[in-house]
Amino acid sequence: MTNTRNHPTQAPPPGMVEKRGSSLWLSHVFMILGVLLVFFPIWLAFVASTVTQADITRPPMPLLPGAHFFENYGKALTAGVNVPVATMLINSLIMAIGIAVGKIVISLLSAFAIVYFRFPGRTFFFWLIFLTLMLPVEVRIVPTYEVVAGFGLLNSYSGLIFPLIASATATFLFRQFFMTIPDELAEAARVDGARPMRFFFDILLPMSRTNVAALFVILFIYGWNQYLWPLLVTTDPSMNTIVMGIKQMFPSGDDTADWPVIMATSILAMIPPVIVVVSMQKLFIRGLVDSEK
């Protein structure tokens, strides 16, 4: 046996450490430049929300925040074109949470039925669900609107949420994840006398936690950014969403836009999605990585 205890560790080739350090330095420089490039318009919007109308319309525009922060944001929250911005934020929050939770619940149950239940035509029904990806809301919006109007769901949270809660993408992702779970778990649960729904709640749902978190973030932002569907189903100004409110704040004709209030409203509209992404960041990243596996 050869004694290698006292043998010196082989040194890296010359220049490898320097090359690694320089590449790491360059990657950080480009990353910082990219962050600044993306963040600069947001910073300008924030600065514009803290100054007066004259400061914005008279060049050059200031690059540092002004002294009208509380005035502009207070005016944005309590004022608006038809309703206060605070009301529109609540409407958007309810709609986004309802769409995200509804999509996840329906997709979990449908994927569970497709993977763990044997019934005629289950593959056909799965591909039928998957084919709905080719029919986005914009394509089927007229018949969907007729159904919602027929049920009397206009100007209601139900009308905003229910037509958008079916998700073929989430069903497909949960189906693929359930298919990676060993069949021995289902057999063991069956031997222990667990009913199907107990197996779902006690085993499958905890194992899907990271996937649920990742999809919740994506679907929440999807619901928050909806514009066309709320524009059609809401004629009552009290049911307007924040995206609709920002569009309505822009003037028509020769009217002058109140840019500080518009910018303050835009910043307020970004806060809930940012909170969701930041608070669920670890689970979101882990869910994406697990989904790739």
Protein backbone atom coordinates (compact mmCIF):
# COMPACT_ATOMS: atom_id res chain seq x y z
CA MET A 1 0.00 0.00 0.00
CA THR A 2 1.35 3.38 -0.94
CA ASN A 3 1.35 5.99 1.79
CA THR A 4 -0.16 9.19 0.40
CA ARG A 5 -0.69 10.93 3.72
CA ASN A 6 2.41 13.12 3.43
CA HIS A 7 2.16 13.73 -0.28
CA PRO A 8 1.52 17.40 -1.07
CA THR A 9 -1.78 18.31 -2.67
CA GLN A 10 -1.44 18.86 -6.36
CA ALA A 11 -1.41 22.59 -7.11
CA PRO A 12 -3.86 23.98 -9.66
CA PRO A 13 -2.45 24.92 -13.04
CA PRO A 14 -0.95 28.42 -13.22
CA GLY A 15 -3.46 31.12 -13.98
CA MET A 16 -6.53 29.06 -13.01
CA VAL A 17 -7.18 31.01 -9.80
CA GLU A 18 -6.71 34.33 -11.55
CA LYS A 19 -8.97 33.28 -14.40
CA ARG A 20 -11.66 32.11 -12.03
CA GLY A 21 -11.43 35.37 -10.09
CA SER A 22 -11.65 37.53 -13.19
CA SER A 23 -14.62 35.63 -14.58
CA LEU A 24 -16.38 35.86 -11.22
CA TRP A 25 -15.71 39.60 -11.12
CA LEU A 26 -17.04 40.09 -14.65
CA SER A 27 -20.16 38.06 -13.92
CA HIS A 28 -20.89 40.23 -10.88
CA VAL A 29 -20.37 43.40 -12.91
CA PHE A 30 -22.80 42.28 -15.61
CA MET A 31 -25.30 41.14 -12.98
CA ILE A 32 -25.17 44.52 -11.23
CA LEU A 33 -25.54 46.35 -14.56
CA GLY A 34 -28.55 44.19 -15.42
CA VAL A 35 -30.17 44.89 -12.06
CA LEU A 36 -29.60 48.63 -12.47
CA LEU A 37 -30.99 48.54 -16.00
CA VAL A 38 -34.18 46.83 -14.83
CA PHE A 39 -34.53 48.86 -11.63
CA PHE A 40 -33.93 52.32 -13.14
CA PRO A 41 -37.44 52.75 -14.66
CA ILE A 42 -38.97 51.66 -11.34
CA TRP A 43 -36.79 54.20 -9.55
CA LEU A 44 -37.94 56.93 -11.94
CA ALA A 45 -41.56 55.99 -11.30
CA PHE A 46 -40.98 56.18 -7.55
CA VAL A 47 -39.25 59.58 -7.86
CA ALA A 48 -42.11 60.84 -10.02
CA SER A 49 -44.57 59.76 -7.32
CA THR A 50 -42.87 61.98 -4.73
CA VAL A 51 -42.62 65.28 -6.65
CA THR A 52 -45.08 67.78 -8.08
CA GLN A 53 -46.60 67.90 -11.54
CA ALA A 54 -44.37 70.86 -12.45
CA ASP A 55 -41.23 68.93 -11.51
CA ILE A 56 -42.17 66.15 -13.95
CA THR A 57 -43.24 68.32 -16.87
CA ARG A 58 -40.31 70.71 -16.58
CA PRO A 59 -37.05 69.10 -17.81
CA PRO A 60 -34.80 67.76 -16.60
CA MET A 61 -36.74 65.35 -14.43
CA PRO A 62 -35.29 64.98 -10.90
CA LEU A 63 -33.51 61.74 -10.02
CA LEU A 64 -33.94 62.06 -6.25
CA PRO A 65 -37.21 61.71 -4.29
CA GLY A 66 -39.14 64.86 -3.49
CA ALA A 67 -41.02 66.05 -0.42
CA HIS A 68 -44.55 65.17 -1.57
CA PHE A 69 -44.50 61.42 -0.80
CA PHE A 70 -47.33 61.34 1.75
CA GLU A 71 -49.40 63.88 -0.16
CA ASN A 72 -49.27 62.00 -3.47
CA TYR A 73 -49.75 58.53 -2.01
CA GLY A 74 -52.55 59.69 0.25
CA LYS A 75 -54.27 61.25 -2.74
CA ALA A 76 -53.77 58.06 -4.76
CA LEU A 77 -55.27 55.83 -2.05
CA THR A 78 -58.30 58.01 -1.42
CA ALA A 79 -58.87 59.32 -4.94
CA GLY A 80 -59.17 57.86 -8.39
CA VAL A 81 -61.08 58.23 -11.61
CA ASN A 82 -64.28 56.65 -10.26
CA VAL A 83 -63.34 54.86 -7.02
CA PRO A 84 -60.42 55.08 -4.60
CA VAL A 85 -57.29 53.16 -5.48
CA ALA A 86 -57.55 51.30 -2.17
CA THR A 87 -60.82 49.72 -3.33
CA MET A 88 -59.27 48.65 -6.63
CA LEU A 89 -56.29 47.13 -4.80
CA ILE A 90 -58.66 45.05 -2.66
CA ASN A 91 -60.56 43.90 -5.75
CA SER A 92 -57.34 42.86 -7.48
CA LEU A 93 -56.12 41.08 -4.35
CA ILE A 94 -59.33 39.07 -3.99
CA MET A 95 -59.31 38.23 -7.69
CA ALA A 96 -55.65 37.18 -7.76
CA ILE A 97 -55.91 35.01 -4.63
CA GLY A 98 -59.15 33.45 -5.83
CA ILE A 99 -57.70 32.58 -9.24
CA ALA A 100 -54.47 31.18 -7.79
CA VAL A 101 -56.17 29.08 -5.10
CA GLY A 102 -58.91 27.92 -7.47
CA LYS A 103 -56.47 26.85 -10.17
CA ILE A 104 -54.30 24.95 -7.69
CA VAL A 105 -57.21 23.13 -6.01
CA ILE A 106 -58.83 22.07 -9.27
CA SER A 107 -55.49 21.07 -10.82
CA LEU A 108 -54.47 19.02 -7.78
CA LEU A 109 -57.74 17.10 -7.71
CA SER A 110 -57.85 16.54 -11.47
CA ALA A 111 -54.23 15.35 -11.58
CA PHE A 112 -54.89 13.06 -8.59
CA ALA A 113 -57.88 11.52 -10.35
CA ILE A 114 -56.00 11.03 -13.63
CA VAL A 115 -52.95 9.39 -12.03
CA TYR A 116 -54.41 7.27 -9.22
CA PHE A 117 -57.85 6.26 -10.47
CA ARG A 118 -58.56 3.78 -13.23
CA PHE A 119 -61.57 4.74 -15.33
CA PRO A 120 -62.38 4.47 -19.04
CA GLY A 121 -60.98 7.25 -21.17
CA ARG A 122 -58.79 8.85 -18.51
CA THR A 123 -55.96 9.41 -21.03
CA PHE A 124 -58.45 10.90 -23.46
CA PHE A 125 -59.77 13.28 -20.82
CA PHE A 126 -56.25 14.30 -19.85
CA TRP A 127 -55.35 15.22 -23.42
CA LEU A 128 -58.71 16.96 -23.76
CA ILE A 129 -57.74 19.12 -20.79
CA PHE A 130 -54.27 19.65 -22.24
CA LEU A 131 -55.71 20.79 -25.60
CA THR A 132 -57.40 23.72 -23.86
CA LEU A 133 -53.94 25.35 -23.82
CA MET A 134 -54.64 26.16 -27.46
CA LEU A 135 -57.75 28.12 -26.46
CA PRO A 136 -56.72 31.08 -24.28
CA VAL A 137 -59.25 33.41 -22.71
CA GLU A 138 -59.07 35.82 -25.64
CA VAL A 139 -60.26 33.11 -28.07
CA ARG A 140 -63.24 31.93 -26.01
CA ILE A 141 -64.06 35.24 -24.41
CA VAL A 142 -67.41 35.80 -26.16
CA PRO A 143 -69.06 32.48 -25.19
CA THR A 144 -67.52 32.74 -21.71
CA TYR A 145 -69.01 36.19 -21.29
CA GLU A 146 -72.44 34.90 -22.41
CA VAL A 147 -72.30 32.10 -19.83
CA VAL A 148 -71.25 34.48 -17.03
CA ALA A 149 -73.95 36.97 -18.00
CA GLY A 150 -76.53 34.18 -18.18
CA PHE A 151 -75.75 33.14 -14.61
CA GLY A 152 -75.97 36.74 -13.43
CA LEU A 153 -72.32 36.89 -12.36
CA LEU A 154 -71.47 40.27 -13.86
CA ASN A 155 -70.04 42.83 -11.44
CA SER A 156 -69.18 40.16 -8.89
CA TYR A 157 -66.07 38.43 -7.58
CA SER A 158 -67.50 35.12 -8.80
CA GLY A 159 -67.64 36.44 -12.34
CA LEU A 160 -64.06 37.68 -12.08
CA ILE A 161 -62.68 34.43 -10.66
CA PHE A 162 -64.62 31.34 -11.78
CA PRO A 163 -64.09 31.56 -15.58
CA LEU A 164 -60.30 31.73 -15.05
CA ILE A 165 -59.69 29.02 -12.44
CA ALA A 166 -59.29 26.05 -14.80
CA SER A 167 -55.62 25.49 -15.67
CA ALA A 168 -54.35 22.81 -18.03
CA THR A 169 -50.75 23.80 -17.32
CA ALA A 170 -51.04 23.27 -13.56
CA THR A 171 -52.89 19.97 -14.13
CA PHE A 172 -50.08 18.78 -16.39
CA LEU A 173 -47.37 19.78 -13.91
CA PHE A 174 -49.08 18.07 -10.97
CA ARG A 175 -49.72 14.96 -13.07
CA GLN A 176 -46.05 14.73 -13.99
CA PHE A 177 -45.07 15.18 -10.34
CA PHE A 178 -47.52 12.53 -9.10
CA MET A 179 -46.17 10.07 -11.67
CA THR A 180 -42.70 10.37 -10.10
CA ILE A 181 -43.99 9.27 -6.69
CA PRO A 182 -43.29 5.54 -6.10
CA ASP A 183 -46.30 3.27 -6.31
CA GLU A 184 -45.19 1.67 -3.04
CA LEU A 185 -46.49 4.72 -1.16
CA ALA A 186 -49.99 4.21 -2.52
CA GLU A 187 -49.78 0.47 -1.82
CA ALA A 188 -48.62 1.09 1.74
CA ALA A 189 -51.44 3.56 2.33
CA ARG A 190 -53.94 1.09 0.94
CA VAL A 191 -52.62 -1.68 3.20
CA ASP A 192 -52.91 0.64 6.21
CA GLY A 193 -56.55 1.20 5.34
CA ALA A 194 -56.21 4.80 4.19
CA ARG A 195 -58.98 6.01 1.94
CA PRO A 196 -58.01 7.79 -1.32
CA MET A 197 -58.65 11.29 0.03
CA ARG A 198 -56.68 10.56 3.19
CA PHE A 199 -53.77 9.43 1.00
CA PHE A 200 -54.16 12.67 -0.92
CA PHE A 201 -54.20 14.96 2.12
CA ASP A 202 -51.66 13.11 4.29
CA ILE A 203 -49.07 12.11 1.67
CA LEU A 204 -49.49 13.76 -1.72
CA LEU A 205 -50.36 17.27 -0.55
CA PRO A 206 -47.36 17.65 1.84
CA MET A 207 -45.03 16.30 -0.85
CA SER A 208 -46.43 18.85 -3.33
CA ARG A 209 -45.83 21.82 -1.04
CA THR A 210 -42.97 23.35 -3.03
CA ASN A 211 -44.77 22.82 -6.35
CA VAL A 212 -47.89 24.45 -4.93
CA ALA A 213 -45.84 27.42 -3.72
CA ALA A 214 -44.17 27.90 -7.11
CA LEU A 215 -47.47 27.73 -8.95
CA PHE A 216 -49.14 30.05 -6.45
CA VAL A 217 -46.59 32.78 -7.17
CA ILE A 218 -46.99 32.41 -10.94
CA LEU A 219 -50.79 32.21 -10.84
CA PHE A 220 -51.12 35.10 -8.39
CA ILE A 221 -49.21 37.38 -10.74
CA TYR A 222 -51.27 36.04 -13.65
CA GLY A 223 -54.50 36.94 -11.85
CA TRP A 224 -53.17 40.29 -10.65
CA ASN A 225 -52.24 41.41 -14.18
CA GLN A 226 -55.59 40.52 -15.75
CA TYR A 227 -57.06 43.41 -17.73
CA LEU A 228 -59.29 42.26 -20.60
CA TRP A 229 -61.58 39.94 -18.62
CA PRO A 230 -62.27 42.38 -15.74
CA LEU A 231 -62.85 45.10 -18.32
CA LEU A 232 -65.68 43.04 -19.85
CA VAL A 233 -67.43 41.67 -16.78
CA THR A 234 -67.34 44.79 -14.58
CA THR A 235 -69.49 47.80 -15.41
CA ASP A 236 -69.77 48.92 -11.80
CA PRO A 237 -66.79 51.18 -10.96
CA SER A 238 -66.63 49.73 -7.44
CA MET A 239 -65.56 46.37 -8.97
CA ASN A 240 -62.68 47.81 -11.03
CA THR A 241 -59.24 46.27 -10.56
CA ILE A 242 -56.02 48.20 -10.12
CA VAL A 243 -54.85 47.49 -13.68
CA MET A 244 -58.09 48.95 -15.01
CA GLY A 245 -57.73 51.90 -12.66
CA ILE A 246 -54.27 52.80 -13.95
CA LYS A 247 -55.54 52.73 -17.53
CA GLN A 248 -58.50 54.92 -16.62
CA MET A 249 -56.22 57.51 -15.02
CA PHE A 250 -54.64 58.38 -18.33
CA PRO A 251 -56.40 61.40 -19.83
CA SER A 252 -58.34 61.48 -23.06
CA GLY A 253 -58.27 64.40 -25.44
CA ASP A 254 -56.69 67.60 -24.18
CA ASP A 255 -56.94 66.72 -20.47
CA THR A 256 -53.78 66.83 -18.39
CA ALA A 257 -52.60 63.72 -16.61
CA ASP A 258 -51.88 63.90 -12.90
CA TRP A 259 -48.55 62.12 -13.24
CA PRO A 260 -47.54 62.04 -9.55
CA VAL A 261 -50.79 60.27 -8.65
CA ILE A 262 -50.50 57.90 -11.63
CA MET A 263 -46.94 56.99 -10.68
CA ALA A 264 -47.94 56.53 -7.03
CA THR A 265 -50.75 54.22 -8.12
CA SER A 266 -48.32 52.23 -10.30
CA ILE A 267 -45.93 51.78 -7.38
CA LEU A 268 -48.80 50.69 -5.13
CA ALA A 269 -49.88 48.19 -7.79
CA MET A 270 -46.43 46.57 -7.72
CA ILE A 271 -46.28 46.10 -3.95
CA PRO A 272 -48.55 43.00 -3.49
CA PRO A 273 -46.86 40.89 -6.22
CA VAL A 274 -43.44 41.86 -4.85
CA ILE A 275 -44.50 40.83 -1.34
CA VAL A 276 -45.75 37.46 -2.62
CA VAL A 277 -42.56 36.77 -4.60
CA VAL A 278 -40.20 37.83 -1.79
CA SER A 279 -42.08 36.00 0.98
CA MET A 280 -42.26 32.75 -1.03
CA GLN A 281 -38.92 33.03 -2.78
CA LYS A 282 -37.28 29.94 -1.25
CA LEU A 283 -40.28 27.69 -1.85
CA PHE A 284 -40.71 29.16 -5.32
CA ILE A 285 -37.13 28.36 -6.37
CA ARG A 286 -37.25 24.93 -4.76
CA GLY A 287 -40.53 24.20 -6.51
CA LEU A 288 -39.07 25.10 -9.90
CA VAL A 289 -36.01 22.92 -9.29
CA ASP A 290 -38.14 19.98 -8.12
CA SER A 291 -40.38 20.41 -11.16
CA GLU A 292 -37.36 20.16 -13.46
CA LYS A 293 -36.31 16.94 -11.79
